[in-house]
Amino acid sequence: MKTCTVVATFAPNAQNLIEVKELLLDVAKDVRLELGCLFYDLYEEVSGKLMFIEAWESRELWEIHNNAPTVARILEFIDGKLSEPFLIQEMYAAK
C-alpha cells in the first residue's frame, strides 16, 4: 500500500483565527487515534493560514477518516469562519 500524505489548508477570518486554531488542535487529538493515521499535525503559516499535514497508511483509510465524526465536527465549526474555501491536497511519494 502507498502512504497517503495530505495537506489541508484553512484560511480563517482574522477574528476567527484563535477559535478555529483551538478547535483544530482539539480535534487533532482524536484524529491521531483513528485507524491508519500515521501523523496529523497542525502548522500555522506566517500569513495566518492553518495547515494540517497528515499521513495515512492508505488512501482507503484516509477516505474512512473523511467520513468520520472528527471531520464533520471541523466542517460544521468552520462554516462561515474562513476567508476562502479550504483546500485539500492529496499526495503520494514520487518514484
Protein backbone atom coordinates (compact mmCIF):
# COMPACT_ATOMS: atom_id res chain seq x y z
CA MET A 1 0.00 0.00 0.00
CA LYS A 2 1.11 3.55 -0.70
CA THR A 3 1.17 6.05 2.13
CA CYS A 4 -1.34 8.84 1.50
CA THR A 5 0.02 12.25 2.50
CA VAL A 6 -2.39 15.16 2.74
CA VAL A 7 -2.15 18.89 3.33
CA ALA A 8 -5.43 20.50 4.38
CA THR A 9 -5.29 24.31 4.37
CA PHE A 10 -7.70 26.60 6.23
CA ALA A 11 -7.71 30.41 5.96
CA PRO A 12 -9.67 31.68 8.96
CA ASN A 13 -11.01 35.21 9.05
CA ALA A 14 -8.78 37.30 11.35
CA GLN A 15 -11.47 37.50 14.01
CA ASN A 16 -11.90 33.70 13.99
CA LEU A 17 -8.24 32.62 13.90
CA ILE A 18 -7.84 31.75 17.58
CA GLU A 19 -11.08 29.80 17.89
CA VAL A 20 -10.51 27.88 14.64
CA LYS A 21 -6.95 27.03 15.68
CA GLU A 22 -8.12 25.84 19.12
CA LEU A 23 -10.80 23.63 17.56
CA LEU A 24 -8.38 22.10 15.04
CA LEU A 25 -5.82 21.37 17.78
CA ASP A 26 -8.53 19.72 19.87
CA VAL A 27 -9.85 17.59 17.00
CA ALA A 28 -6.29 16.51 16.10
CA LYS A 29 -6.05 14.59 19.40
CA ASP A 30 -8.94 12.35 18.34
CA VAL A 31 -7.85 12.02 14.70
CA ARG A 32 -4.46 10.66 15.78
CA LEU A 33 -6.36 7.70 17.29
CA GLU A 34 -8.15 6.86 14.03
CA LEU A 35 -7.23 3.68 12.20
CA GLY A 36 -4.38 4.22 9.75
CA CYS A 37 -3.31 7.68 10.95
CA LEU A 38 0.49 7.94 10.83
CA PHE A 39 0.61 11.62 11.79
CA TYR A 40 -1.78 14.56 11.89
CA ASP A 41 -0.10 17.83 12.82
CA LEU A 42 -1.30 21.42 12.64
CA TYR A 43 1.01 24.15 11.37
CA GLU A 44 0.48 27.89 11.23
CA GLU A 45 1.74 29.69 8.15
CA VAL A 46 3.11 33.21 8.66
CA SER A 47 0.10 34.51 6.70
CA GLY A 48 -2.25 33.12 9.34
CA LYS A 49 -3.37 30.11 7.33
CA LEU A 50 -3.59 26.86 9.25
CA MET A 51 -2.44 23.61 7.67
CA PHE A 52 -2.87 20.04 8.73
CA ILE A 53 -0.02 17.94 7.41
CA GLU A 54 -1.13 14.35 7.72
CA ALA A 55 -0.27 10.87 6.56
CA TRP A 56 -2.38 7.75 6.34
CA GLU A 57 -1.40 4.13 5.79
CA SER A 58 -3.53 4.06 2.63
CA ARG A 59 -5.96 6.13 0.59
CA GLU A 60 -8.77 3.85 1.74
CA LEU A 61 -8.09 4.63 5.40
CA TRP A 62 -7.86 8.35 4.63
CA GLU A 63 -11.26 8.13 2.91
CA ILE A 64 -12.71 6.48 6.03
CA HIS A 65 -11.31 9.40 8.04
CA ASN A 66 -13.04 11.84 5.69
CA ASN A 67 -16.39 10.37 6.76
CA ALA A 68 -15.51 10.32 10.47
CA PRO A 69 -17.22 12.45 13.15
CA THR A 70 -13.96 14.39 13.58
CA VAL A 71 -14.14 15.76 10.03
CA ALA A 72 -17.85 16.51 10.41
CA ARG A 73 -17.02 18.49 13.56
CA ILE A 74 -14.41 20.54 11.69
CA LEU A 75 -16.69 21.24 8.73
CA GLU A 76 -19.57 22.31 10.96
CA PHE A 77 -17.35 24.57 13.09
CA ILE A 78 -15.54 26.36 10.25
CA ASP A 79 -18.74 27.21 8.37
CA GLY A 80 -18.69 31.00 7.89
CA LYS A 81 -15.31 31.41 9.63
CA LEU A 82 -12.96 31.17 6.62
CA SER A 83 -11.91 33.90 4.19
CA GLU A 84 -11.63 31.36 1.33
CA PRO A 85 -12.65 27.73 0.77
CA PHE A 86 -10.44 25.17 2.47
CA LEU A 87 -8.03 23.29 0.21
CA ILE A 88 -7.18 19.58 0.34
CA GLN A 89 -4.04 18.33 -1.42
CA GLU A 90 -3.66 14.53 -1.66
CA MET A 91 -0.14 13.34 -2.49
CA TYR A 92 1.96 10.21 -2.91
CA ALA A 93 5.73 9.83 -2.96
CA ALA A 94 7.18 10.28 -6.46
CA LYS A 95 9.05 7.27 -7.75
